[in-house]
Every structure is written in C-alpha cells, then in structure tokens.
Amino acid sequence: MADAEQQQQQQQQQHLQQPLRSIISRQQSYVRFVNRTQRSVHVLWVSYQGEHRLYKTLPPGAEYNVNTYVTHPWVFRDAETGATLLVNSEEVFFPKPIFPEGHARYGPVSPYRIPVYISIPLYTLQERAAQVVGSCLQNPKLAYSLDIPKNLMSTIAKWVV
C-alpha cells in the first residue's frame, strides 16, 4: 500500500474517533456525485464546526461535480424524508486524493473526477413505514398520539429527530 493511502486511512480512522467535521487540508480531491436513486438528494458538506451545510439538491439520476479536500466529509439525505442515504455503500463519504503526478500534469483542476454513487439503503418494513408516516408529521412527537403500534411510534420519533 502506498504511503499516501496509509496516511489517508490513518486520517480517516482518527476522524471517525472524533465528532464528524472537516479538518483543514491542502490535499485536493475532485469528485462527481451521482444520484442513483429515484429521490431528490441533499448533498451536505460537514463543516469545520460539524454542521451539515447544503451544497446542492440533486434530482433523480443527476450528477454534480465538486472540488473538495480529503479531510472534508460529505453526507447525503433524502430531500423529502431526511432519511440517511448511502454513498459507495457508506453513510459518510471521505474524498480520496488525486494522484500527485496528475496534479502536476493538469494543474490545480484535474480533468479526472472520482465517481461517487449515492444509493438508498435496504430498510426494514418498520423503518420504511416510520419514514413515510414521519414525513407526514410536523412534529415527530405527534407519533405518540397516533393509533399505531408502540414500537412504530418510538421508531418514528427517533427516525425523524
């Protein structure tokens, strides 16, 4: 394994042990987010303070090019329900570095973008029901006033919050 790859894995492991947030970096990455769902997707950058900042809402099947850094995490949410979506089968995306010789050859903007695929996780029937019912409620606590099973009430309250 190359030294750069080992260093990146170590940074990501340290990152996961701390609250999720961006860290200052000079190592750029060029990605293309690809929405493989039939849902509109919020593309959210996790700021230096750990806040989720909306960068773009991708319509179904759309793509979005982003110049980012390897220590900047990204997350993705269903625009309608707020449900967590996956990117390359993970809940959090950490950009990979561009190859140094490519950076030298092509200047500050690489012509090559790393494709990043956004997908819907496999939900249980209870989780999907909680998403649908929860998206109809203005306040997740209203789930406790519905005539539905108690375990679905608590799942809705947890899911939506």
N, C-alpha and C. Protein backbone atom coordinates (compact mmCIF):
# COMPACT_ATOMS: atom_id res chain seq x y z
N MET A 1 0.85 -1.18 0.00
CA MET A 1 0.00 0.00 0.00
C MET A 1 0.90 1.24 0.00
N ALA A 2 0.56 2.21 -0.80
CA ALA A 2 1.36 3.43 -0.90
C ALA A 2 1.28 4.23 0.40
N ASP A 3 2.34 5.01 0.66
CA ASP A 3 2.37 5.84 1.88
C ASP A 3 1.20 6.80 1.94
N ALA A 4 0.83 7.39 0.80
CA ALA A 4 -0.28 8.35 0.77
C ALA A 4 -1.59 7.67 1.17
N GLU A 5 -1.80 6.42 0.71
CA GLU A 5 -3.01 5.69 1.06
C GLU A 5 -3.04 5.36 2.54
N GLN A 6 -1.90 4.94 3.10
CA GLN A 6 -1.83 4.64 4.52
C GLN A 6 -2.10 5.89 5.36
N GLN A 7 -1.52 7.00 4.94
CA GLN A 7 -1.72 8.25 5.66
C GLN A 7 -3.19 8.65 5.63
N GLN A 8 -3.84 8.49 4.47
CA GLN A 8 -5.25 8.84 4.35
C GLN A 8 -6.11 7.94 5.24
N GLN A 9 -5.81 6.64 5.28
CA GLN A 9 -6.56 5.73 6.13
C GLN A 9 -6.40 6.09 7.61
N GLN A 10 -5.19 6.47 8.01
CA GLN A 10 -4.96 6.88 9.39
C GLN A 10 -5.75 8.14 9.72
N GLN A 11 -5.77 9.11 8.78
CA GLN A 11 -6.53 10.35 9.00
C GLN A 11 -8.02 10.03 9.15
N GLN A 12 -8.53 9.13 8.30
CA GLN A 12 -9.95 8.79 8.37
C GLN A 12 -10.28 8.06 9.66
N GLN A 13 -9.41 7.18 10.14
CA GLN A 13 -9.65 6.48 11.40
C GLN A 13 -9.66 7.47 12.57
N GLN A 14 -8.72 8.44 12.56
CA GLN A 14 -8.71 9.46 13.59
C GLN A 14 -9.97 10.30 13.51
N HIS A 15 -10.38 10.60 12.29
CA HIS A 15 -11.58 11.38 12.02
C HIS A 15 -12.81 10.71 12.64
N LEU A 16 -12.91 9.38 12.48
CA LEU A 16 -14.07 8.65 12.96
C LEU A 16 -14.11 8.56 14.48
N GLN A 17 -12.98 8.72 15.15
CA GLN A 17 -12.93 8.67 16.60
C GLN A 17 -13.36 10.00 17.22
N GLN A 18 -13.36 11.06 16.43
CA GLN A 18 -13.76 12.39 16.89
C GLN A 18 -15.13 12.70 16.31
N PRO A 19 -15.77 13.78 16.81
CA PRO A 19 -17.02 14.20 16.17
C PRO A 19 -16.78 14.47 14.68
N LEU A 20 -17.77 14.14 13.86
CA LEU A 20 -17.62 14.30 12.42
C LEU A 20 -17.56 15.77 12.05
N ARG A 21 -16.47 16.18 11.41
CA ARG A 21 -16.30 17.56 10.96
C ARG A 21 -15.16 17.61 9.96
N SER A 22 -15.09 18.69 9.20
CA SER A 22 -13.99 18.90 8.27
C SER A 22 -12.75 19.34 9.03
N ILE A 23 -11.61 18.98 8.49
CA ILE A 23 -10.32 19.39 9.03
C ILE A 23 -9.58 20.10 7.90
N ILE A 24 -8.84 21.14 8.24
CA ILE A 24 -8.10 21.90 7.24
C ILE A 24 -7.14 20.97 6.51
N SER A 25 -7.11 21.10 5.19
CA SER A 25 -6.25 20.24 4.37
C SER A 25 -5.89 20.98 3.08
N ARG A 26 -4.78 20.61 2.52
CA ARG A 26 -4.39 21.16 1.22
C ARG A 26 -4.46 20.10 0.14
N GLN A 27 -4.78 18.86 0.54
CA GLN A 27 -4.80 17.76 -0.41
C GLN A 27 -6.18 17.72 -1.09
N GLN A 28 -6.21 18.13 -2.34
CA GLN A 28 -7.47 18.25 -3.06
C GLN A 28 -7.97 16.91 -3.60
N SER A 29 -9.27 16.90 -3.87
CA SER A 29 -9.92 15.75 -4.48
C SER A 29 -11.01 16.29 -5.40
N TYR A 30 -11.19 15.62 -6.51
CA TYR A 30 -12.20 16.04 -7.48
C TYR A 30 -13.17 14.88 -7.65
N VAL A 31 -14.42 15.11 -7.26
CA VAL A 31 -15.40 14.03 -7.27
C VAL A 31 -16.61 14.40 -8.12
N ARG A 32 -17.34 13.37 -8.50
CA ARG A 32 -18.61 13.54 -9.21
C ARG A 32 -19.64 12.74 -8.43
N PHE A 33 -20.56 13.43 -7.73
CA PHE A 33 -21.63 12.76 -7.02
C PHE A 33 -22.69 12.35 -8.04
N VAL A 34 -23.07 11.08 -8.02
CA VAL A 34 -24.05 10.55 -8.97
C VAL A 34 -25.24 10.01 -8.18
N ASN A 35 -26.41 10.61 -8.40
CA ASN A 35 -27.62 10.19 -7.71
C ASN A 35 -28.22 8.99 -8.44
N ARG A 36 -28.07 7.82 -7.88
CA ARG A 36 -28.61 6.59 -8.47
C ARG A 36 -29.98 6.24 -7.92
N THR A 37 -30.63 7.19 -7.28
CA THR A 37 -31.95 6.92 -6.69
C THR A 37 -33.03 7.59 -7.53
N GLN A 38 -34.26 7.28 -7.19
CA GLN A 38 -35.42 7.94 -7.79
C GLN A 38 -35.92 9.07 -6.89
N ARG A 39 -35.07 9.50 -5.97
CA ARG A 39 -35.40 10.52 -5.00
C ARG A 39 -34.51 11.75 -5.22
N SER A 40 -34.99 12.91 -4.81
CA SER A 40 -34.12 14.09 -4.77
C SER A 40 -33.23 13.94 -3.54
N VAL A 41 -31.95 14.31 -3.69
CA VAL A 41 -30.97 14.07 -2.64
C VAL A 41 -30.30 15.38 -2.24
N HIS A 42 -30.25 15.64 -0.91
CA HIS A 42 -29.49 16.76 -0.39
C HIS A 42 -28.03 16.33 -0.26
N VAL A 43 -27.14 17.07 -0.91
CA VAL A 43 -25.70 16.85 -0.80
C VAL A 43 -25.21 17.81 0.28
N LEU A 44 -24.68 17.25 1.38
CA LEU A 44 -24.32 18.05 2.55
C LEU A 44 -22.84 17.92 2.88
N TRP A 45 -22.17 19.05 2.93
CA TRP A 45 -20.78 19.10 3.37
C TRP A 45 -20.79 19.26 4.87
N VAL A 46 -19.93 18.54 5.59
CA VAL A 46 -19.82 18.67 7.03
C VAL A 46 -18.74 19.71 7.31
N SER A 47 -19.15 20.83 7.91
CA SER A 47 -18.27 21.98 8.10
C SER A 47 -17.21 21.72 9.17
N TYR A 48 -16.34 22.72 9.37
CA TYR A 48 -15.30 22.64 10.40
C TYR A 48 -15.90 22.58 11.81
N GLN A 49 -17.12 23.07 11.96
CA GLN A 49 -17.81 23.04 13.26
C GLN A 49 -18.70 21.80 13.39
N GLY A 50 -18.74 20.95 12.36
CA GLY A 50 -19.56 19.74 12.39
C GLY A 50 -20.99 19.96 11.92
N GLU A 51 -21.29 21.14 11.37
CA GLU A 51 -22.64 21.43 10.87
C GLU A 51 -22.78 20.89 9.46
N HIS A 52 -23.98 20.40 9.15
CA HIS A 52 -24.26 19.91 7.79
C HIS A 52 -24.73 21.09 6.94
N ARG A 53 -23.95 21.41 5.92
CA ARG A 53 -24.26 22.56 5.05
C ARG A 53 -24.71 22.05 3.68
N LEU A 54 -25.90 22.47 3.28
CA LEU A 54 -26.45 22.05 1.99
C LEU A 54 -25.66 22.67 0.85
N TYR A 55 -25.11 21.83 0.00
CA TYR A 55 -24.39 22.30 -1.18
C TYR A 55 -25.27 22.27 -2.41
N LYS A 56 -26.09 21.25 -2.51
CA LYS A 56 -26.91 21.08 -3.72
C LYS A 56 -28.00 20.07 -3.42
N THR A 57 -29.12 20.21 -4.10
CA THR A 57 -30.14 19.17 -4.09
C THR A 57 -30.14 18.56 -5.48
N LEU A 58 -29.79 17.28 -5.53
CA LEU A 58 -29.68 16.57 -6.82
C LEU A 58 -30.99 15.89 -7.17
N PRO A 59 -31.54 16.17 -8.35
CA PRO A 59 -32.73 15.45 -8.80
C PRO A 59 -32.37 13.98 -9.09
N PRO A 60 -33.36 13.12 -9.21
CA PRO A 60 -33.08 11.71 -9.53
C PRO A 60 -32.22 11.58 -10.79
N GLY A 61 -31.18 10.75 -10.70
CA GLY A 61 -30.32 10.48 -11.85
C GLY A 61 -29.30 11.55 -12.18
N ALA A 62 -29.30 12.65 -11.45
CA ALA A 62 -28.40 13.78 -11.77
C ALA A 62 -26.99 13.55 -11.22
N GLU A 63 -26.04 14.34 -11.75
CA GLU A 63 -24.65 14.31 -11.32
C GLU A 63 -24.24 15.72 -10.90
N TYR A 64 -23.22 15.80 -10.02
CA TYR A 64 -22.75 17.09 -9.54
C TYR A 64 -21.25 17.00 -9.29
N ASN A 65 -20.47 17.86 -9.94
CA ASN A 65 -19.02 17.89 -9.77
C ASN A 65 -18.64 18.81 -8.62
N VAL A 66 -17.73 18.31 -7.76
CA VAL A 66 -17.29 19.07 -6.60
C VAL A 66 -15.77 18.99 -6.48
N ASN A 67 -15.16 20.14 -6.25
CA ASN A 67 -13.74 20.20 -5.89
C ASN A 67 -13.72 20.29 -4.37
N THR A 68 -13.08 19.33 -3.72
CA THR A 68 -13.11 19.25 -2.27
C THR A 68 -11.73 18.86 -1.75
N TYR A 69 -11.66 18.48 -0.49
CA TYR A 69 -10.40 18.07 0.14
C TYR A 69 -10.59 16.73 0.83
N VAL A 70 -9.49 15.99 0.99
CA VAL A 70 -9.58 14.63 1.52
C VAL A 70 -10.07 14.56 2.97
N THR A 71 -9.95 15.62 3.72
CA THR A 71 -10.40 15.60 5.12
C THR A 71 -11.76 16.27 5.30
N HIS A 72 -12.50 16.42 4.21
CA HIS A 72 -13.82 17.02 4.26
C HIS A 72 -14.89 15.95 4.05
N PRO A 73 -15.59 15.55 5.11
CA PRO A 73 -16.63 14.53 4.95
C PRO A 73 -17.90 15.10 4.32
N TRP A 74 -18.62 14.24 3.64
CA TRP A 74 -19.88 14.57 2.98
C TRP A 74 -20.92 13.53 3.40
N VAL A 75 -22.17 13.98 3.57
CA VAL A 75 -23.28 13.08 3.87
C VAL A 75 -24.43 13.40 2.92
N PHE A 76 -25.37 12.47 2.83
CA PHE A 76 -26.44 12.60 1.85
C PHE A 76 -27.76 12.22 2.50
N ARG A 77 -28.78 13.03 2.26
CA ARG A 77 -30.10 12.82 2.85
C ARG A 77 -31.17 12.87 1.77
N ASP A 78 -32.21 12.08 1.98
CA ASP A 78 -33.38 12.14 1.12
C ASP A 78 -34.00 13.52 1.33
N ALA A 79 -34.22 14.27 0.25
CA ALA A 79 -34.71 15.65 0.36
C ALA A 79 -36.12 15.70 0.95
N GLU A 80 -36.92 14.65 0.76
CA GLU A 80 -38.30 14.67 1.25
C GLU A 80 -38.40 14.18 2.69
N THR A 81 -37.74 13.07 3.00
CA THR A 81 -37.91 12.45 4.32
C THR A 81 -36.77 12.76 5.29
N GLY A 82 -35.63 13.19 4.77
CA GLY A 82 -34.47 13.42 5.62
C GLY A 82 -33.71 12.14 5.96
N ALA A 83 -34.14 11.01 5.39
CA ALA A 83 -33.50 9.73 5.68
C ALA A 83 -32.06 9.72 5.16
N THR A 84 -31.20 9.03 5.91
CA THR A 84 -29.80 8.89 5.52
C THR A 84 -29.69 8.02 4.27
N LEU A 85 -28.91 8.49 3.32
CA LEU A 85 -28.64 7.71 2.12
C LEU A 85 -27.19 7.25 2.16
N LEU A 86 -26.87 6.28 1.32
CA LEU A 86 -25.52 5.75 1.28
C LEU A 86 -24.75 6.33 0.10
N VAL A 87 -23.45 6.39 0.26
CA VAL A 87 -22.58 6.79 -0.83
C VAL A 87 -21.46 5.77 -0.86
N ASN A 88 -21.34 5.10 -2.01
CA ASN A 88 -20.40 3.97 -2.14
C ASN A 88 -20.56 3.00 -0.98
N SER A 89 -21.81 2.73 -0.61
CA SER A 89 -22.20 1.79 0.45
C SER A 89 -21.83 2.24 1.86
N GLU A 90 -21.51 3.50 2.07
CA GLU A 90 -21.18 4.04 3.39
C GLU A 90 -22.09 5.23 3.70
N GLU A 91 -22.26 5.53 5.00
CA GLU A 91 -23.09 6.68 5.39
C GLU A 91 -22.35 8.00 5.28
N VAL A 92 -21.02 7.96 5.35
CA VAL A 92 -20.20 9.17 5.25
C VAL A 92 -19.19 8.95 4.13
N PHE A 93 -19.02 9.99 3.31
CA PHE A 93 -18.04 9.91 2.22
C PHE A 93 -16.83 10.76 2.56
N PHE A 94 -15.65 10.13 2.51
CA PHE A 94 -14.38 10.82 2.64
C PHE A 94 -13.71 10.81 1.28
N PRO A 95 -13.45 11.97 0.67
CA PRO A 95 -12.83 12.02 -0.65
C PRO A 95 -11.45 11.37 -0.66
N LYS A 96 -11.11 10.80 -1.78
CA LYS A 96 -9.79 10.22 -2.00
C LYS A 96 -8.91 11.29 -2.65
N PRO A 97 -7.60 11.24 -2.39
CA PRO A 97 -6.73 12.25 -3.01
C PRO A 97 -6.54 11.97 -4.50
N ILE A 98 -6.30 13.04 -5.25
CA ILE A 98 -5.94 12.84 -6.64
C ILE A 98 -4.50 12.36 -6.67
N PHE A 99 -4.11 11.71 -7.72
CA PHE A 99 -2.74 11.23 -7.77
C PHE A 99 -1.80 12.40 -8.04
N PRO A 100 -0.69 12.51 -7.29
CA PRO A 100 0.19 13.67 -7.38
C PRO A 100 0.69 13.96 -8.79
N GLU A 101 1.03 12.91 -9.56
CA GLU A 101 1.52 13.17 -10.92
C GLU A 101 0.42 13.78 -11.80
N GLY A 102 -0.86 13.42 -11.51
CA GLY A 102 -1.96 14.01 -12.27
C GLY A 102 -2.11 15.48 -11.95
N HIS A 103 -1.90 15.83 -10.68
CA HIS A 103 -2.00 17.22 -10.26
C HIS A 103 -0.91 18.05 -10.95
N ALA A 104 0.30 17.50 -11.01
CA ALA A 104 1.40 18.22 -11.65
C ALA A 104 1.15 18.37 -13.15
N ARG A 105 0.60 17.33 -13.74
CA ARG A 105 0.37 17.34 -15.18
C ARG A 105 -0.76 18.27 -15.60
N TYR A 106 -1.81 18.33 -14.80
CA TYR A 106 -3.01 19.04 -15.23
C TYR A 106 -3.27 20.34 -14.47
N GLY A 107 -2.37 20.74 -13.59
CA GLY A 107 -2.57 21.99 -12.88
C GLY A 107 -3.50 21.81 -11.70
N PRO A 108 -4.11 22.90 -11.21
CA PRO A 108 -4.90 22.84 -9.99
C PRO A 108 -6.25 22.12 -10.14
N VAL A 109 -6.73 21.92 -11.37
CA VAL A 109 -8.00 21.23 -11.56
C VAL A 109 -7.77 20.02 -12.44
N SER A 110 -7.97 18.85 -11.87
CA SER A 110 -7.77 17.60 -12.60
C SER A 110 -8.92 17.36 -13.57
N PRO A 111 -8.63 16.84 -14.75
CA PRO A 111 -9.72 16.51 -15.68
C PRO A 111 -10.42 15.22 -15.27
N TYR A 112 -9.86 14.51 -14.29
CA TYR A 112 -10.43 13.24 -13.85
C TYR A 112 -11.20 13.43 -12.56
N ARG A 113 -12.42 12.96 -12.55
CA ARG A 113 -13.25 13.04 -11.36
C ARG A 113 -13.55 11.63 -10.86
N ILE A 114 -13.51 11.48 -9.58
CA ILE A 114 -13.80 10.19 -8.97
C ILE A 114 -15.32 10.07 -8.86
N PRO A 115 -15.93 9.05 -9.48
CA PRO A 115 -17.39 8.89 -9.36
C PRO A 115 -17.77 8.38 -7.98
N VAL A 116 -18.80 9.00 -7.41
CA VAL A 116 -19.29 8.67 -6.09
C VAL A 116 -20.78 8.40 -6.23
N TYR A 117 -21.20 7.17 -5.94
CA TYR A 117 -22.57 6.75 -6.22
C TYR A 117 -23.46 6.80 -4.98
N ILE A 118 -24.54 7.58 -5.08
CA ILE A 118 -25.49 7.74 -3.99
C ILE A 118 -26.61 6.72 -4.19
N SER A 119 -26.94 5.97 -3.13
CA SER A 119 -27.98 4.95 -3.23
C SER A 119 -28.82 4.92 -1.95
N ILE A 120 -29.92 4.20 -2.04
CA ILE A 120 -30.82 4.04 -0.90
C ILE A 120 -30.43 2.77 -0.16
N PRO A 121 -30.30 2.84 1.17
CA PRO A 121 -30.00 1.60 1.90
C PRO A 121 -31.21 0.67 1.89
N LEU A 122 -30.98 -0.57 2.24
CA LEU A 122 -32.07 -1.53 2.36
C LEU A 122 -32.69 -1.34 3.74
N TYR A 123 -33.94 -0.88 3.76
CA TYR A 123 -34.63 -0.61 5.02
C TYR A 123 -35.54 -1.79 5.38
N THR A 124 -35.76 -1.96 6.68
CA THR A 124 -36.77 -2.91 7.13
C THR A 124 -38.14 -2.27 6.85
N LEU A 125 -39.17 -3.09 6.87
CA LEU A 125 -40.52 -2.57 6.67
C LEU A 125 -40.87 -1.55 7.76
N GLN A 126 -40.45 -1.81 8.99
CA GLN A 126 -40.72 -0.88 10.09
C GLN A 126 -40.03 0.45 9.84
N GLU A 127 -38.76 0.43 9.42
CA GLU A 127 -38.03 1.68 9.15
C GLU A 127 -38.68 2.46 8.02
N ARG A 128 -39.09 1.76 6.97
CA ARG A 128 -39.71 2.46 5.83
C ARG A 128 -41.06 3.05 6.23
N ALA A 129 -41.83 2.30 7.01
CA ALA A 129 -43.12 2.82 7.49
C ALA A 129 -42.90 4.05 8.36
N ALA A 130 -41.87 4.02 9.20
CA ALA A 130 -41.56 5.17 10.05
C ALA A 130 -41.19 6.39 9.19
N GLN A 131 -40.45 6.17 8.13
CA GLN A 131 -40.09 7.29 7.24
C GLN A 131 -41.33 7.92 6.62
N VAL A 132 -42.20 7.08 6.08
CA VAL A 132 -43.39 7.59 5.39
C VAL A 132 -44.32 8.31 6.36
N VAL A 133 -44.63 7.67 7.48
CA VAL A 133 -45.53 8.31 8.45
C VAL A 133 -44.86 9.55 9.03
N GLY A 134 -43.58 9.44 9.37
CA GLY A 134 -42.86 10.58 9.95
C GLY A 134 -42.81 11.78 9.03
N SER A 135 -42.73 11.54 7.72
CA SER A 135 -42.67 12.67 6.77
C SER A 135 -43.99 13.43 6.70
N CYS A 136 -45.07 12.80 7.20
CA CYS A 136 -46.38 13.47 7.21
C CYS A 136 -46.63 14.26 8.49
N LEU A 137 -45.75 14.11 9.46
CA LEU A 137 -45.93 14.78 10.76
C LEU A 137 -45.10 16.05 10.85
N GLN A 138 -45.69 17.10 11.39
CA GLN A 138 -44.95 18.34 11.59
C GLN A 138 -43.99 18.22 12.77
N ASN A 139 -44.37 17.43 13.75
CA ASN A 139 -43.56 17.22 14.94
C ASN A 139 -43.46 15.71 15.18
N PRO A 140 -42.25 15.15 15.27
CA PRO A 140 -42.12 13.70 15.46
C PRO A 140 -42.80 13.19 16.73
N LYS A 141 -42.94 14.04 17.74
CA LYS A 141 -43.61 13.63 18.99
C LYS A 141 -45.08 13.31 18.77
N LEU A 142 -45.67 13.82 17.66
CA LEU A 142 -47.06 13.52 17.36
C LEU A 142 -47.27 12.03 17.06
N ALA A 143 -46.20 11.30 16.79
CA ALA A 143 -46.31 9.86 16.55
C ALA A 143 -46.93 9.16 17.75
N TYR A 144 -46.68 9.68 18.96
CA TYR A 144 -47.22 9.06 20.17
C TYR A 144 -48.73 9.23 20.30
N SER A 145 -49.31 10.11 19.51
CA SER A 145 -50.77 10.30 19.57
C SER A 145 -51.49 9.51 18.48
N LEU A 146 -50.75 8.82 17.64
CA LEU A 146 -51.37 8.05 16.56
C LEU A 146 -51.80 6.67 17.06
N ASP A 147 -52.78 6.09 16.39
CA ASP A 147 -53.25 4.75 16.73
C ASP A 147 -52.43 3.73 15.94
N ILE A 148 -51.18 3.57 16.37
CA ILE A 148 -50.25 2.65 15.71
C ILE A 148 -49.47 1.90 16.80
N PRO A 149 -48.82 0.78 16.45
CA PRO A 149 -48.05 0.05 17.47
C PRO A 149 -46.99 0.93 18.14
N LYS A 150 -46.75 0.68 19.44
CA LYS A 150 -45.82 1.49 20.21
C LYS A 150 -44.40 1.46 19.65
N ASN A 151 -43.97 0.30 19.17
CA ASN A 151 -42.60 0.25 18.63
C ASN A 151 -42.47 1.09 17.36
N LEU A 152 -43.55 1.23 16.59
CA LEU A 152 -43.51 2.10 15.42
C LEU A 152 -43.51 3.57 15.86
N MET A 153 -44.25 3.89 16.93
CA MET A 153 -44.25 5.26 17.46
C MET A 153 -42.82 5.69 17.81
N SER A 154 -42.13 4.85 18.58
CA SER A 154 -40.78 5.23 19.02
C SER A 154 -39.81 5.25 17.84
N THR A 155 -39.99 4.36 16.87
CA THR A 155 -39.13 4.38 15.69
C THR A 155 -39.32 5.68 14.91
N ILE A 156 -40.57 6.12 14.78
CA ILE A 156 -40.84 7.38 14.07
C ILE A 156 -40.20 8.54 14.81
N ALA A 157 -40.38 8.59 16.11
CA ALA A 157 -39.83 9.69 16.91
C ALA A 157 -38.31 9.72 16.80
N LYS A 158 -37.65 8.57 16.81
CA LYS A 158 -36.19 8.51 16.69
C LYS A 158 -35.75 8.80 15.26
N TRP A 159 -36.48 8.29 14.28
CA TRP A 159 -36.08 8.39 12.87
C TRP A 159 -36.10 9.83 12.40
N VAL A 160 -37.13 10.54 12.75
CA VAL A 160 -37.34 11.88 12.21
C VAL A 160 -36.49 12.91 12.94
N VAL A 161 -36.21 12.69 14.22
CA VAL A 161 -35.46 13.69 15.01
C VAL A 161 -34.04 13.78 14.53
